[in-house]
C-alpha atoms as a PDB file:
ATOM      1  CA  MET A   1      58.861 172.179 -39.670  1.00  0.00           C
ATOM      2  CA  THR A   2      55.342 170.938 -39.116  1.00  0.00           C
ATOM      3  CA  ILE A   3      52.051 172.145 -40.561  1.00  0.00           C
ATOM      4  CA  VAL A   4      49.083 171.736 -38.227  1.00  0.00           C
ATOM      5  CA  SER A   5      45.411 172.657 -38.253  1.00  0.00           C
ATOM      6  CA  ASP A   6      44.779 173.864 -34.718  1.00  0.00           C
ATOM      7  CA  ASP A   7      44.025 176.752 -32.393  1.00  0.00           C
ATOM      8  CA  ILE A   8      47.317 178.535 -31.742  1.00  0.00           C
ATOM      9  CA  THR A   9      46.200 179.503 -28.234  1.00  0.00           C
ATOM     10  CA  ARG A  10      46.235 175.802 -27.269  1.00  0.00           C
ATOM     11  CA  MET A  11      49.703 174.985 -28.574  1.00  0.00           C
ATOM     12  CA  HIS A  12      52.105 173.593 -25.955  1.00  0.00           C
ATOM     13  CA  VAL A  13      55.258 175.250 -27.274  1.00  0.00           C
ATOM     14  CA  GLY A  14      57.901 177.598 -25.956  1.00  0.00           C
ATOM     15  CA  ALA A  15      56.405 180.533 -27.848  1.00  0.00           C
ATOM     16  CA  ILE A  16      53.450 181.327 -30.009  1.00  0.00           C
ATOM     17  CA  VAL A  17      53.596 184.176 -32.480  1.00  0.00           C
ATOM     18  CA  ASN A  18      50.852 186.747 -32.446  1.00  0.00           C
ATOM     19  CA  ALA A  19      49.943 188.466 -35.703  1.00  0.00           C
ATOM     20  CA  ALA A  20      49.780 191.803 -33.916  1.00  0.00           C
ATOM     21  CA  ASN A  21      49.100 195.388 -34.862  1.00  0.00           C
ATOM     22  CA  GLU A  22      51.637 198.137 -34.149  1.00  0.00           C
ATOM     23  CA  SER A  23      50.006 199.136 -30.845  1.00  0.00           C
ATOM     24  CA  LEU A  24      50.295 195.554 -29.461  1.00  0.00           C
ATOM     25  CA  LEU A  25      47.087 196.286 -27.534  1.00  0.00           C
ATOM     26  CA  GLY A  26      44.936 193.560 -29.057  1.00  0.00           C
ATOM     27  CA  GLY A  27      42.638 193.482 -32.040  1.00  0.00           C
ATOM     28  CA  GLY A  28      40.636 190.996 -34.026  1.00  0.00           C
ATOM     29  CA  GLY A  29      41.404 187.539 -35.361  1.00  0.00           C
ATOM     30  CA  VAL A  30      44.376 185.688 -33.868  1.00  0.00           C
ATOM     31  CA  ASP A  31      45.484 188.821 -32.005  1.00  0.00           C
ATOM     32  CA  GLY A  32      42.194 189.087 -30.129  1.00  0.00           C
ATOM     33  CA  ALA A  33      42.076 185.336 -29.474  1.00  0.00           C
ATOM     34  CA  ILE A  34      45.581 185.379 -27.969  1.00  0.00           C
ATOM     35  CA  HIS A  35      44.803 188.366 -25.754  1.00  0.00           C
ATOM     36  CA  ARG A  36      41.554 186.767 -24.522  1.00  0.00           C
ATOM     37  CA  ALA A  37      43.230 183.420 -23.798  1.00  0.00           C
ATOM     38  CA  ALA A  38      46.279 184.948 -22.079  1.00  0.00           C
ATOM     39  CA  GLY A  39      44.229 187.219 -19.829  1.00  0.00           C
ATOM     40  CA  PRO A  40      44.564 190.878 -18.823  1.00  0.00           C
ATOM     41  CA  ASP A  41      48.214 190.657 -17.727  1.00  0.00           C
ATOM     42  CA  LEU A  42      49.257 190.268 -21.363  1.00  0.00           C
ATOM     43  CA  LEU A  43      47.724 193.630 -22.217  1.00  0.00           C
ATOM     44  CA  LYS A  44      49.479 195.215 -19.230  1.00  0.00           C
ATOM     45  CA  GLU A  45      52.862 193.931 -20.391  1.00  0.00           C
ATOM     46  CA  CYS A  46      52.181 194.900 -24.014  1.00  0.00           C
ATOM     47  CA  ARG A  47      51.727 198.491 -22.866  1.00  0.00           C
ATOM     48  CA  THR A  48      55.328 198.404 -21.589  1.00  0.00           C
ATOM     49  CA  VAL A  49      56.944 196.868 -24.716  1.00  0.00           C
ATOM     50  CA  GLY A  50      54.909 198.548 -27.474  1.00  0.00           C
ATOM     51  CA  PRO A  51      54.387 200.073 -29.852  1.00  0.00           C
ATOM     52  CA  CYS A  52      56.149 197.914 -32.402  1.00  0.00           C
ATOM     53  CA  PRO A  53      56.917 199.011 -35.979  1.00  0.00           C
ATOM     54  CA  THR A  54      55.784 196.922 -38.929  1.00  0.00           C
ATOM     55  CA  GLY A  55      58.347 194.230 -39.728  1.00  0.00           C
ATOM     56  CA  GLU A  56      59.540 193.904 -36.144  1.00  0.00           C
ATOM     57  CA  ALA A  57      58.533 191.806 -33.140  1.00  0.00           C
ATOM     58  CA  ARG A  58      58.421 192.036 -29.346  1.00  0.00           C
ATOM     59  CA  ILE A  59      58.309 189.269 -26.730  1.00  0.00           C
ATOM     60  CA  THR A  60      56.150 188.953 -23.616  1.00  0.00           C
ATOM     61  CA  ALA A  61      55.223 186.264 -21.144  1.00  0.00           C
ATOM     62  CA  GLY A  62      52.441 183.845 -22.118  1.00  0.00           C
ATOM     63  CA  TYR A  63      50.442 184.249 -18.897  1.00  0.00           C
ATOM     64  CA  ARG A  64      47.406 181.901 -19.060  1.00  0.00           C
ATOM     65  CA  LEU A  65      48.509 180.325 -22.336  1.00  0.00           C
ATOM     66  CA  PRO A  66      50.260 176.939 -22.426  1.00  0.00           C
ATOM     67  CA  ALA A  67      53.146 178.705 -24.223  1.00  0.00           C
ATOM     68  CA  GLN A  68      55.806 180.331 -22.063  1.00  0.00           C
ATOM     69  CA  TYR A  69      56.100 183.339 -24.376  1.00  0.00           C
ATOM     70  CA  VAL A  70      54.123 185.316 -26.914  1.00  0.00           C
ATOM     71  CA  ILE A  71      56.124 186.890 -29.711  1.00  0.00           C
ATOM     72  CA  HIS A  72      54.134 189.769 -31.185  1.00  0.00           C
ATOM     73  CA  ALA A  73      55.052 190.153 -34.864  1.00  0.00           C
ATOM     74  CA  VAL A  74      53.705 193.070 -36.858  1.00  0.00           C
ATOM     75  CA  GLY A  75      53.212 192.142 -40.478  1.00  0.00           C
ATOM     76  CA  PRO A  76      52.342 194.576 -43.244  1.00  0.00           C
ATOM     77  CA  ILE A  77      48.913 195.550 -44.490  1.00  0.00           C
ATOM     78  CA  TRP A  78      48.660 194.444 -48.127  1.00  0.00           C
ATOM     79  CA  CYS A  79      48.493 197.453 -50.458  1.00  0.00           C
ATOM     80  CA  GLY A  80      49.221 195.679 -53.730  1.00  0.00           C
ATOM     81  CA  GLY A  81      52.842 194.730 -53.080  1.00  0.00           C
ATOM     82  CA  GLY A  82      54.480 197.986 -54.092  1.00  0.00           C
ATOM     83  CA  ARG A  83      55.018 199.405 -50.624  1.00  0.00           C
ATOM     84  CA  GLY A  84      57.643 196.971 -49.382  1.00  0.00           C
ATOM     85  CA  GLU A  85      55.144 194.425 -48.098  1.00  0.00           C
ATOM     86  CA  PRO A  86      57.225 191.323 -48.981  1.00  0.00           C
ATOM     87  CA  GLU A  87      60.341 192.708 -47.275  1.00  0.00           C
ATOM     88  CA  LEU A  88      58.340 193.726 -44.195  1.00  0.00           C
ATOM     89  CA  LEU A  89      56.737 190.288 -43.922  1.00  0.00           C
ATOM     90  CA  CYS A  90      60.142 188.609 -44.255  1.00  0.00           C
ATOM     91  CA  SER A  91      61.450 190.900 -41.537  1.00  0.00           C
ATOM     92  CA  ALA A  92      58.539 190.045 -39.199  1.00  0.00           C
ATOM     93  CA  TYR A  93      59.394 186.331 -39.478  1.00  0.00           C
ATOM     94  CA  ARG A  94      63.144 186.921 -39.032  1.00  0.00           C
ATOM     95  CA  SER A  95      62.563 189.201 -36.040  1.00  0.00           C
ATOM     96  CA  SER A  96      60.297 186.595 -34.415  1.00  0.00           C
ATOM     97  CA  LEU A  97      62.824 183.822 -34.937  1.00  0.00           C
ATOM     98  CA  GLY A  98      65.623 186.019 -33.634  1.00  0.00           C
ATOM     99  CA  LEU A  99      63.699 186.687 -30.412  1.00  0.00           C
ATOM    100  CA  ALA A 100      62.989 182.969 -30.061  1.00  0.00           C
ATOM    101  CA  ARG A 101      66.680 182.194 -30.419  1.00  0.00           C
ATOM    102  CA  GLU A 102      67.732 184.966 -27.988  1.00  0.00           C
ATOM    103  CA  ASN A 103      65.311 183.565 -25.392  1.00  0.00           C
ATOM    104  CA  ASP A 104      66.303 179.915 -25.941  1.00  0.00           C
ATOM    105  CA  VAL A 105      62.861 178.965 -27.230  1.00  0.00           C
ATOM    106  CA  GLN A 106      63.039 175.390 -28.492  1.00  0.00           C
ATOM    107  CA  SER A 107      59.603 175.283 -30.141  1.00  0.00           C
ATOM    108  CA  ILE A 108      57.577 178.027 -31.799  1.00  0.00           C
ATOM    109  CA  ALA A 109      54.166 178.218 -33.474  1.00  0.00           C
ATOM    110  CA  PHE A 110      53.368 180.731 -36.214  1.00  0.00           C
ATOM    111  CA  PRO A 111      49.988 181.789 -37.560  1.00  0.00           C
ATOM    112  CA  ALA A 112      49.783 183.016 -41.163  1.00  0.00           C
ATOM    113  CA  ILE A 113      50.969 186.555 -40.401  1.00  0.00           C
ATOM    114  CA  SER A 114      49.113 189.329 -42.282  1.00  0.00           C
ATOM    115  CA  CYS A 115      46.674 186.918 -43.962  1.00  0.00           C
ATOM    116  CA  GLY A 116      43.570 187.941 -42.000  1.00  0.00           C
ATOM    117  CA  ALA A 117      42.457 191.541 -41.680  1.00  0.00           C
ATOM    118  CA  TYR A 118      45.684 192.728 -43.341  1.00  0.00           C
ATOM    119  CA  ARG A 119      44.639 190.910 -46.569  1.00  0.00           C
ATOM    120  CA  TYR A 120      48.087 189.644 -47.607  1.00  0.00           C
ATOM    121  CA  PRO A 121      47.588 187.083 -50.411  1.00  0.00           C
ATOM    122  CA  ILE A 122      47.747 183.687 -48.739  1.00  0.00           C
ATOM    123  CA  GLU A 123      49.895 181.943 -51.362  1.00  0.00           C
ATOM    124  CA  ALA A 124      52.513 184.692 -51.263  1.00  0.00           C
ATOM    125  CA  ALA A 125      52.494 184.965 -47.462  1.00  0.00           C
ATOM    126  CA  THR A 126      52.823 181.242 -46.822  1.00  0.00           C
ATOM    127  CA  GLY A 127      55.676 181.032 -49.334  1.00  0.00           C
ATOM    128  CA  ILE A 128      57.504 183.827 -47.518  1.00  0.00           C
ATOM    129  CA  ALA A 129      56.895 182.126 -44.168  1.00  0.00           C
ATOM    130  CA  LEU A 130      58.284 178.803 -45.356  1.00  0.00           C
ATOM    131  CA  ARG A 131      61.328 180.340 -47.062  1.00  0.00           C
ATOM    132  CA  GLU A 132      62.232 182.607 -44.129  1.00  0.00           C
ATOM    133  CA  VAL A 133      61.909 179.845 -41.544  1.00  0.00           C
ATOM    134  CA  ALA A 134      63.864 177.367 -43.691  1.00  0.00           C
ATOM    135  CA  ALA A 135      66.656 179.895 -44.227  1.00  0.00           C
ATOM    136  CA  PHE A 136      66.822 180.666 -40.496  1.00  0.00           C
ATOM    137  CA  LEU A 137      66.927 176.984 -39.560  1.00  0.00           C
ATOM    138  CA  ASP A 138      69.734 176.433 -42.071  1.00  0.00           C
ATOM    139  CA  GLN A 139      71.788 178.948 -40.075  1.00  0.00           C
ATOM    140  CA  TYR A 140      70.768 178.258 -36.472  1.00  0.00           C
ATOM    141  CA  SER A 141      69.852 175.225 -34.382  1.00  0.00           C
ATOM    142  CA  THR A 142      67.286 177.051 -32.230  1.00  0.00           C
ATOM    143  CA  PRO A 143      64.334 176.770 -32.316  1.00  0.00           C
ATOM    144  CA  GLU A 144      64.335 173.029 -32.840  1.00  0.00           C
ATOM    145  CA  GLN A 145      60.634 172.776 -33.764  1.00  0.00           C
ATOM    146  CA  VAL A 146      58.597 175.192 -35.860  1.00  0.00           C
ATOM    147  CA  PHE A 147      54.867 174.799 -36.308  1.00  0.00           C
ATOM    148  CA  PHE A 148      52.789 176.568 -38.933  1.00  0.00           C
ATOM    149  CA  VAL A 149      49.362 176.678 -37.324  1.00  0.00           C
ATOM    150  CA  CYS A 150      46.525 176.889 -39.813  1.00  0.00           C
ATOM    151  CA  PHE A 151      43.141 178.254 -38.921  1.00  0.00           C
ATOM    152  CA  GLY A 152      41.034 177.181 -41.868  1.00  0.00           C
ATOM    153  CA  GLU A 153      41.481 174.942 -44.849  1.00  0.00           C
ATOM    154  CA  GLN A 154      42.470 177.708 -47.267  1.00  0.00           C
ATOM    155  CA  VAL A 155      45.633 178.484 -45.313  1.00  0.00           C
ATOM    156  CA  ARG A 156      46.395 174.788 -44.784  1.00  0.00           C
ATOM    157  CA  ALA A 157      46.030 174.113 -48.496  1.00  0.00           C
ATOM    158  CA  ALA A 158      48.409 176.971 -49.340  1.00  0.00           C
ATOM    159  CA  TYR A 159      51.106 175.602 -47.008  1.00  0.00           C
ATOM    160  CA  ASP A 160      50.582 172.084 -48.306  1.00  0.00           C
ATOM    161  CA  ARG A 161      50.934 173.231 -51.937  1.00  0.00           C
ATOM    162  CA  GLN A 162      54.178 175.064 -51.315  1.00  0.00           C
ATOM    163  CA  ILE A 163      56.157 173.220 -48.686  1.00  0.00           C
ATOM    164  CA  GLY A 164      57.746 170.626 -50.973  1.00  0.00           C
ATOM    165  CA  GLU A 165      58.704 173.335 -53.418  1.00  0.00           C
ATOM    166  CA  VAL A 166      60.233 175.603 -50.794  1.00  0.00           C
ATOM    167  CA  VAL A 167      62.004 173.148 -48.478  1.00  0.00           C
ATOM    168  CA  GLY A 168      62.020 169.903 -50.424  1.00  0.00           C
ATOM    169  CA  PRO A 169      60.506 166.563 -49.466  1.00  0.00           C
ATOM    170  CA  GLY A 170      60.267 165.327 -45.921  1.00  0.00           C
ATOM    171  CA  PRO A 171      58.456 167.931 -43.784  1.00  0.00           C
ATOM    172  CA  GLU A 172      55.903 166.700 -41.318  1.00  0.00           C
ATOM    173  CA  HIS A 173      52.201 167.257 -41.705  1.00  0.00           C
ATOM    174  CA  ALA A 174      49.938 166.816 -38.725  1.00  0.00           C
ATOM    175  CA  ASP A 175      46.284 167.240 -37.936  1.00  0.00           C
END
């Protein structure tokens, strides 16, 4: 697992994960950036695979992106934590990793799902991300590389604070 500060739309990986909404038809933040970078064919394909319930994911081609695939994960909107948000966020990560494994994706890049417009608390969300990915990698050998792509120092700092606690010493950090 590697933490990077980068633009997810420029990652040369097998799949990037899109923090999507249920319609899969684009939106703001990382979702809008991915749709703009991939081009109009992504929207066309999303119309055929969506909608997607919260906690699940769908896979499409990457089109103009350097990534072969886009995995559209729908995380929960934060409503205080009493509406199943942690379980739904865990499920979004597991569903994304399952699709990566089913499609033989060797490297995957995740944004901080639900941390933008959906207002999930960053510390809690990054902890869930790290724990879910670590648990999946303990069970399966694919994907071989997982990147947590941070847009902004606040998200990067949250991952950096928690990674040793969640997975122990030794993870890579890159800029």
